[in-house]
């Protein structure tokens, strides 16, 4: 197609350190660090492709898109921020970037599992407050092996599979829940969500956020978990009913949680998750490794080039 103008609406979400090169997207690329909702329609005038990163693009906004826009490329795997039906109605193709961060996100989940198994967050707080009794007296906190423990993974996509492989390497017993039943594999049993919740020592979430998965971890699900179990979420905050989780953590109903994503990002200043001793909280960092973000821009470029050449890839609309 002759028009190859690309507009990046919120580059700072990806390029917070200034190390990424967006010129690879197209010879005609316009980059905005961030865009308020009221600025978007004006900024995309004449554009053929629009690039977003977790930026809400609701139906009423898409209805106002100029006819020149033929592609919305979500610079990430999840695309629940884009009104897909409205895009289809408008004749706009939507692409995403699958699998670009599988290893890095998996590493974040496993990092949380390893740290929680050693109560590392409490140990670091003790040192920060000047308490060195773990060195001078004896270890004050739980410290357990992962081998022999049960790892429950919700979702068997690229990231979930990567977590399972690492769990197997650590000699953990691996369970997995998927909506589509699958045959068991060596040291991997596909089970119901109820069984996974009841039997797992560590539960790691790796599925998209949609109407069927929103708040899949709610009060009832948390009640099924062992009091010694940990919940890990590096996927989407909305998978978890956050108030229910906070109550469970405060009451000691479960042992703890590692959360790289939250329902509201960043969490409100008074959110108890910041200060709970049995929580590791990180700022949605799983995808933010430099190599991961460079790979992300590369795949966005592939998406755009493929679409302009008439052979679109990674289409989700």
Protein backbone atom coordinates (compact mmCIF):
# COMPACT_ATOMS: atom_id res chain seq x y z
CA UNK A 1 0.00 0.00 0.00
CA UNK A 2 1.22 3.49 -0.86
CA UNK A 3 0.48 5.15 2.48
CA UNK A 4 2.90 3.74 5.05
CA UNK A 5 2.61 6.36 7.77
CA UNK A 6 2.89 4.85 11.25
CA UNK A 7 1.98 6.69 14.45
CA UNK A 8 3.23 5.42 17.81
CA UNK A 9 0.91 6.83 20.45
CA UNK A 10 2.70 6.04 23.73
CA UNK A 11 6.31 5.16 23.08
CA UNK A 12 7.44 5.99 26.63
CA UNK A 13 5.58 2.93 27.89
CA UNK A 14 8.12 0.83 25.99
CA UNK A 15 11.08 3.21 25.71
CA UNK A 16 11.38 4.59 29.23
CA UNK A 17 15.18 4.47 28.99
CA UNK A 18 15.50 5.86 25.47
CA UNK A 19 17.30 2.80 24.10
CA UNK A 20 14.75 1.73 21.47
CA UNK A 21 14.71 2.71 17.79
CA UNK A 22 11.22 3.14 16.32
CA UNK A 23 12.50 4.21 12.91
CA UNK A 24 12.54 0.50 11.95
CA UNK A 25 8.73 0.52 11.84
CA UNK A 26 8.45 2.53 8.63
CA UNK A 27 10.27 5.26 6.68
CA UNK A 28 7.35 7.49 7.73
CA UNK A 29 7.06 7.05 11.50
CA UNK A 30 5.77 9.65 13.96
CA UNK A 31 6.46 8.95 17.63
CA UNK A 32 4.64 10.43 20.64
CA UNK A 33 5.91 9.73 24.13
CA UNK A 34 2.35 9.59 25.45
CA UNK A 35 -1.12 10.56 24.25
CA UNK A 36 -4.14 11.69 26.22
CA UNK A 37 -7.48 10.32 24.94
CA UNK A 38 -8.49 13.72 23.59
CA UNK A 39 -5.26 13.97 21.55
CA UNK A 40 -5.42 10.63 19.76
CA UNK A 41 -7.82 11.35 16.88
CA UNK A 42 -5.91 14.45 15.83
CA UNK A 43 -2.56 12.68 16.03
CA UNK A 44 -3.55 9.74 13.82
CA UNK A 45 -4.90 11.81 10.96
CA UNK A 46 -3.44 10.46 7.71
CA UNK A 47 -1.90 7.43 9.42
CA UNK A 48 -2.18 3.95 7.92
CA UNK A 49 -1.07 2.13 11.08
CA UNK A 50 -1.36 3.00 14.76
CA UNK A 51 0.85 1.45 17.45
CA UNK A 52 -0.29 1.30 21.08
CA UNK A 53 1.03 -0.27 24.26
CA UNK A 54 -1.72 -1.13 26.76
CA UNK A 55 -3.46 2.13 25.80
CA UNK A 56 -7.27 2.00 26.06
CA UNK A 57 -8.86 2.22 22.62
CA UNK A 58 -12.63 2.01 23.28
CA UNK A 59 -15.39 1.61 20.66
CA UNK A 60 -16.37 5.28 20.66
CA UNK A 61 -12.78 6.26 19.88
CA UNK A 62 -12.39 3.72 17.07
CA UNK A 63 -15.62 5.00 15.52
CA UNK A 64 -13.87 8.36 15.09
CA UNK A 65 -10.70 6.92 13.49
CA UNK A 66 -10.00 8.40 10.05
CA UNK A 67 -10.55 6.10 7.07
CA UNK A 68 -6.79 6.12 6.42
CA UNK A 69 -6.19 3.87 9.46
CA UNK A 70 -6.16 0.25 8.37
CA UNK A 71 -4.11 -1.34 11.15
CA UNK A 72 -3.87 -1.11 14.93
CA UNK A 73 -0.81 -2.90 16.26
CA UNK A 74 -0.81 -3.63 19.98
CA UNK A 75 2.81 -3.73 21.09
CA UNK A 76 2.27 -6.65 23.43
CA UNK A 77 0.61 -10.01 23.76
CA UNK A 78 -2.58 -8.96 25.56
CA UNK A 79 -5.01 -6.85 23.53
CA UNK A 80 -7.98 -6.51 25.89
CA UNK A 81 -7.42 -2.73 25.82
CA UNK A 82 -8.62 -2.55 22.19
CA UNK A 83 -12.29 -2.78 21.19
CA UNK A 84 -11.84 -5.55 18.63
CA UNK A 85 -15.47 -5.66 17.48
CA UNK A 86 -15.47 -1.93 16.82
CA UNK A 87 -12.24 -2.24 14.84
CA UNK A 88 -13.69 -5.03 12.69
CA UNK A 89 -16.80 -2.95 12.06
CA UNK A 90 -14.59 -0.08 10.95
CA UNK A 91 -12.57 -2.36 8.65
CA UNK A 92 -9.42 -2.06 10.75
CA UNK A 93 -7.13 -5.05 11.27
CA UNK A 94 -5.71 -5.58 14.76
CA UNK A 95 -2.38 -7.35 15.31
CA UNK A 96 -0.48 -8.18 18.48
CA UNK A 97 2.99 -9.43 19.39
CA UNK A 98 2.81 -12.99 20.70
CA UNK A 99 5.64 -14.73 22.51
CA UNK A 100 8.12 -11.82 22.51
CA UNK A 101 8.49 -11.89 26.31
CA UNK A 102 7.87 -15.54 27.13
CA UNK A 103 11.25 -16.23 28.72
CA UNK A 104 11.54 -12.96 30.60
CA UNK A 105 8.02 -13.18 32.07
CA UNK A 106 8.59 -16.83 32.96
CA UNK A 107 11.83 -15.84 34.68
CA UNK A 108 9.91 -13.21 36.68
CA UNK A 109 7.39 -15.81 37.83
CA UNK A 110 10.12 -18.27 38.83
CA UNK A 111 12.09 -15.50 40.54
CA UNK A 112 9.04 -14.86 42.71
CA UNK A 113 8.62 -18.55 43.48
CA UNK A 114 12.27 -18.86 44.49
CA UNK A 115 12.15 -15.74 46.65
CA UNK A 116 8.90 -16.69 48.36
CA UNK A 117 10.26 -20.15 49.14
CA UNK A 118 13.01 -18.42 51.14
CA UNK A 119 10.82 -15.60 52.52
CA UNK A 120 13.34 -13.30 50.87
CA UNK A 121 11.06 -10.24 50.97
CA UNK A 122 10.94 -10.43 54.78
CA UNK A 123 14.67 -11.00 55.04
CA UNK A 124 15.37 -7.90 52.97
CA UNK A 125 12.98 -5.82 55.08
CA UNK A 126 14.73 -7.02 58.23
CA UNK A 127 18.09 -5.88 56.90
CA UNK A 128 16.67 -2.57 55.74
CA UNK A 129 15.39 -1.89 59.27
CA UNK A 130 18.74 -2.83 60.83
CA UNK A 131 17.59 -6.22 62.12
CA UNK A 132 20.50 -8.65 61.61
CA UNK A 133 19.19 -11.44 63.81
CA UNK A 134 19.06 -13.84 60.88
CA UNK A 135 22.87 -13.66 60.97
CA UNK A 136 23.53 -13.37 64.72
CA UNK A 137 20.85 -15.68 66.14
CA UNK A 138 19.28 -18.13 63.70
CA UNK A 139 17.17 -17.90 60.56
CA UNK A 140 13.83 -16.43 61.64
CA UNK A 141 11.79 -17.20 58.52
CA UNK A 142 10.64 -20.24 56.52
CA UNK A 143 13.15 -21.57 54.00
CA UNK A 144 12.07 -24.59 51.96
CA UNK A 145 13.12 -26.65 48.94
CA UNK A 146 11.18 -26.46 45.69
CA UNK A 147 12.00 -29.99 44.55
CA UNK A 148 9.10 -32.23 45.41
CA UNK A 149 6.67 -29.30 45.72
CA UNK A 150 3.68 -28.98 43.39
CA UNK A 151 3.62 -26.23 40.79
CA UNK A 152 0.22 -25.42 39.32
CA UNK A 153 0.22 -23.44 36.07
CA UNK A 154 -2.99 -21.91 34.75
CA UNK A 155 -2.69 -21.69 30.97
CA UNK A 156 -0.39 -23.62 28.63
CA UNK A 157 0.61 -20.91 26.18
CA UNK A 158 4.18 -19.85 25.48
CA UNK A 159 4.81 -18.36 28.92
CA UNK A 160 3.00 -21.08 30.84
CA UNK A 161 4.98 -23.75 28.99
CA UNK A 162 8.22 -21.95 29.79
CA UNK A 163 7.33 -21.89 33.51
CA UNK A 164 6.46 -25.59 33.39
CA UNK A 165 9.82 -26.43 31.80
CA UNK A 166 11.67 -24.57 34.55
CA UNK A 167 9.51 -26.21 37.22
CA UNK A 168 10.34 -29.61 35.77
CA UNK A 169 14.06 -28.73 35.79
CA UNK A 170 13.68 -27.87 39.48
CA UNK A 171 12.14 -31.33 40.00
CA UNK A 172 8.75 -29.97 40.96
CA UNK A 173 5.55 -31.91 40.38
CA UNK A 174 3.76 -29.99 37.61
CA UNK A 175 0.03 -29.56 37.14
CA UNK A 176 -1.68 -27.48 34.46
CA UNK A 177 -5.21 -26.26 33.88
CA UNK A 178 -6.41 -25.30 30.41
CA UNK A 179 -9.94 -24.80 29.12
CA UNK A 180 -9.27 -27.42 26.43
CA UNK A 181 -8.52 -30.86 27.94
CA UNK A 182 -5.13 -32.29 26.92
CA UNK A 183 -3.40 -35.63 27.45
CA UNK A 184 -0.89 -35.85 30.28
CA UNK A 185 2.82 -35.63 29.53
CA UNK A 186 5.91 -36.69 31.44
CA UNK A 187 5.74 -34.94 34.82
CA UNK A 188 2.83 -32.80 33.63
CA UNK A 189 -0.75 -33.62 34.55
CA UNK A 190 -3.61 -31.65 33.04
CA UNK A 191 -6.23 -31.26 35.74
CA UNK A 192 -9.32 -29.26 36.61
CA UNK A 193 -8.90 -25.79 38.08
CA UNK A 194 -10.37 -27.04 41.35
CA UNK A 195 -7.80 -29.85 41.58
CA UNK A 196 -4.97 -27.46 40.74
CA UNK A 197 -6.06 -24.99 43.42
CA UNK A 198 -6.37 -27.70 46.06
CA UNK A 199 -3.09 -29.52 45.38
CA UNK A 200 -0.58 -26.84 44.35
CA UNK A 201 2.05 -25.28 46.58
CA UNK A 202 2.68 -22.53 44.03
CA UNK A 203 0.04 -21.38 41.54
CA UNK A 204 1.21 -19.30 38.56
CA UNK A 205 -1.29 -17.57 36.27
CA UNK A 206 -0.57 -17.40 32.52
CA UNK A 207 -3.78 -16.74 30.60
CA UNK A 208 -5.40 -13.79 28.82
CA UNK A 209 -7.87 -11.46 30.51
CA UNK A 210 -11.37 -11.71 29.10
CA UNK A 211 -14.94 -12.05 30.31
CA UNK A 212 -14.40 -15.72 31.16
CA UNK A 213 -11.14 -15.28 33.07
CA UNK A 214 -11.77 -11.99 34.91
CA UNK A 215 -11.60 -12.64 38.67
CA UNK A 216 -11.08 -16.36 38.10
CA UNK A 217 -9.12 -16.19 41.35
CA UNK A 218 -11.84 -14.98 43.68
CA UNK A 219 -12.90 -15.65 47.26
CA UNK A 220 -14.11 -19.14 46.41
CA UNK A 221 -10.93 -20.06 44.54
CA UNK A 222 -8.70 -18.72 47.32
CA UNK A 223 -10.65 -20.79 49.83
CA UNK A 224 -9.62 -23.94 47.94
CA UNK A 225 -5.90 -23.20 48.20
CA UNK A 226 -3.66 -24.65 50.87
CA UNK A 227 -2.83 -22.28 53.74
CA UNK A 228 0.82 -22.91 52.82
CA UNK A 229 0.34 -22.08 49.12
CA UNK A 230 1.50 -19.02 47.17
CA UNK A 231 -0.22 -17.26 44.27
CA UNK A 232 1.93 -15.85 41.44
CA UNK A 233 0.48 -13.47 38.85
CA UNK A 234 2.65 -12.14 36.02
CA UNK A 235 -0.19 -12.11 33.49
CA UNK A 236 -3.01 -9.58 34.00
CA UNK A 237 -4.15 -8.03 37.27
CA UNK A 238 -7.82 -8.51 36.45
CA UNK A 239 -7.48 -12.29 36.68
CA UNK A 240 -7.51 -11.84 40.46
CA UNK A 241 -10.20 -10.29 42.66
CA UNK A 242 -7.72 -8.03 44.44
CA UNK A 243 -9.81 -7.16 47.53
CA UNK A 244 -10.50 -10.87 48.07
CA UNK A 245 -6.79 -11.64 47.72
CA UNK A 246 -5.83 -8.89 50.17
CA UNK A 247 -8.27 -10.27 52.74
CA UNK A 248 -6.87 -13.78 52.27
CA UNK A 249 -3.31 -12.51 52.70
CA UNK A 250 -4.14 -10.45 55.76
CA UNK A 251 -5.89 -13.40 57.44
CA UNK A 252 -3.14 -15.86 56.53
CA UNK A 253 -5.62 -17.88 54.51
CA UNK A 254 -2.82 -18.44 51.99
CA UNK A 255 0.91 -18.10 52.62
CA UNK A 256 1.63 -15.23 50.26
CA UNK A 257 1.67 -13.85 46.75
CA UNK A 258 4.03 -12.60 44.05
CA UNK A 259 2.34 -9.97 41.90
CA UNK A 260 3.94 -8.34 38.89
CA UNK A 261 0.51 -7.11 37.76
CA UNK A 262 -2.32 -5.50 39.68
CA UNK A 263 -5.93 -4.58 38.94
CA UNK A 264 -4.97 -0.90 38.91
CA UNK A 265 -1.47 -0.04 37.77
CA UNK A 266 0.15 1.54 39.61
CA UNK A 267 -1.74 0.53 42.75
CA UNK A 268 -3.21 3.34 44.85
CA UNK A 269 -0.80 4.79 47.41
CA UNK A 270 -2.75 3.23 50.30
CA UNK A 271 -2.99 -0.25 48.76
CA UNK A 272 -2.06 -2.82 51.45
CA UNK A 273 -0.14 -4.87 48.87
CA UNK A 274 2.74 -2.40 49.20
CA UNK A 275 3.33 -3.25 52.84
CA UNK A 276 2.14 -6.81 53.46
CA UNK A 277 5.05 -8.96 54.64
CA UNK A 278 3.87 -11.98 52.66
CA UNK A 279 3.77 -10.20 49.30
CA UNK A 280 6.36 -9.51 46.61
CA UNK A 281 5.12 -6.60 44.51
CA UNK A 282 6.81 -5.51 41.27
CA UNK A 283 5.80 -2.84 38.71
CA UNK A 284 4.72 -4.98 35.73
CA UNK A 285 8.38 -5.55 34.94
CA UNK A 286 8.15 -9.01 33.37
CA UNK A 287 8.23 -7.71 29.79
CA UNK A 288 10.58 -4.78 30.42
CA UNK A 289 14.00 -6.36 29.94
CA UNK A 290 16.04 -4.49 27.31
CA UNK A 291 16.39 -7.49 25.01
CA UNK A 292 12.67 -8.20 25.41
CA UNK A 293 11.69 -4.67 24.42
CA UNK A 294 14.07 -4.67 21.47
CA UNK A 295 12.48 -7.92 20.32
CA UNK A 296 9.06 -6.33 20.81
CA UNK A 297 9.83 -3.44 18.46
CA UNK A 298 11.24 -5.88 15.93
CA UNK A 299 8.06 -7.94 15.87
CA UNK A 300 5.90 -4.81 15.66
CA UNK A 301 7.95 -3.88 12.59
CA UNK A 302 7.35 -7.35 11.13
CA UNK A 303 3.60 -6.97 11.78
CA UNK A 304 3.51 -3.62 10.00
CA UNK A 305 5.66 -4.70 7.05
CA UNK A 306 3.60 -7.85 6.59
CA UNK A 307 0.37 -5.88 6.60
CA UNK A 308 1.66 -3.27 4.15
CA UNK A 309 2.85 -6.10 1.87
CA UNK A 310 -0.61 -7.71 1.90
CA UNK A 311 0.43 -10.67 4.07
CA UNK A 312 -0.63 -9.72 7.60
CA UNK A 313 0.68 -11.76 10.53
CA UNK A 314 -0.33 -12.05 14.20
CA UNK A 315 -3.88 -10.93 13.39
CA UNK A 316 -6.26 -11.09 16.38
CA UNK A 317 -9.29 -9.26 14.93
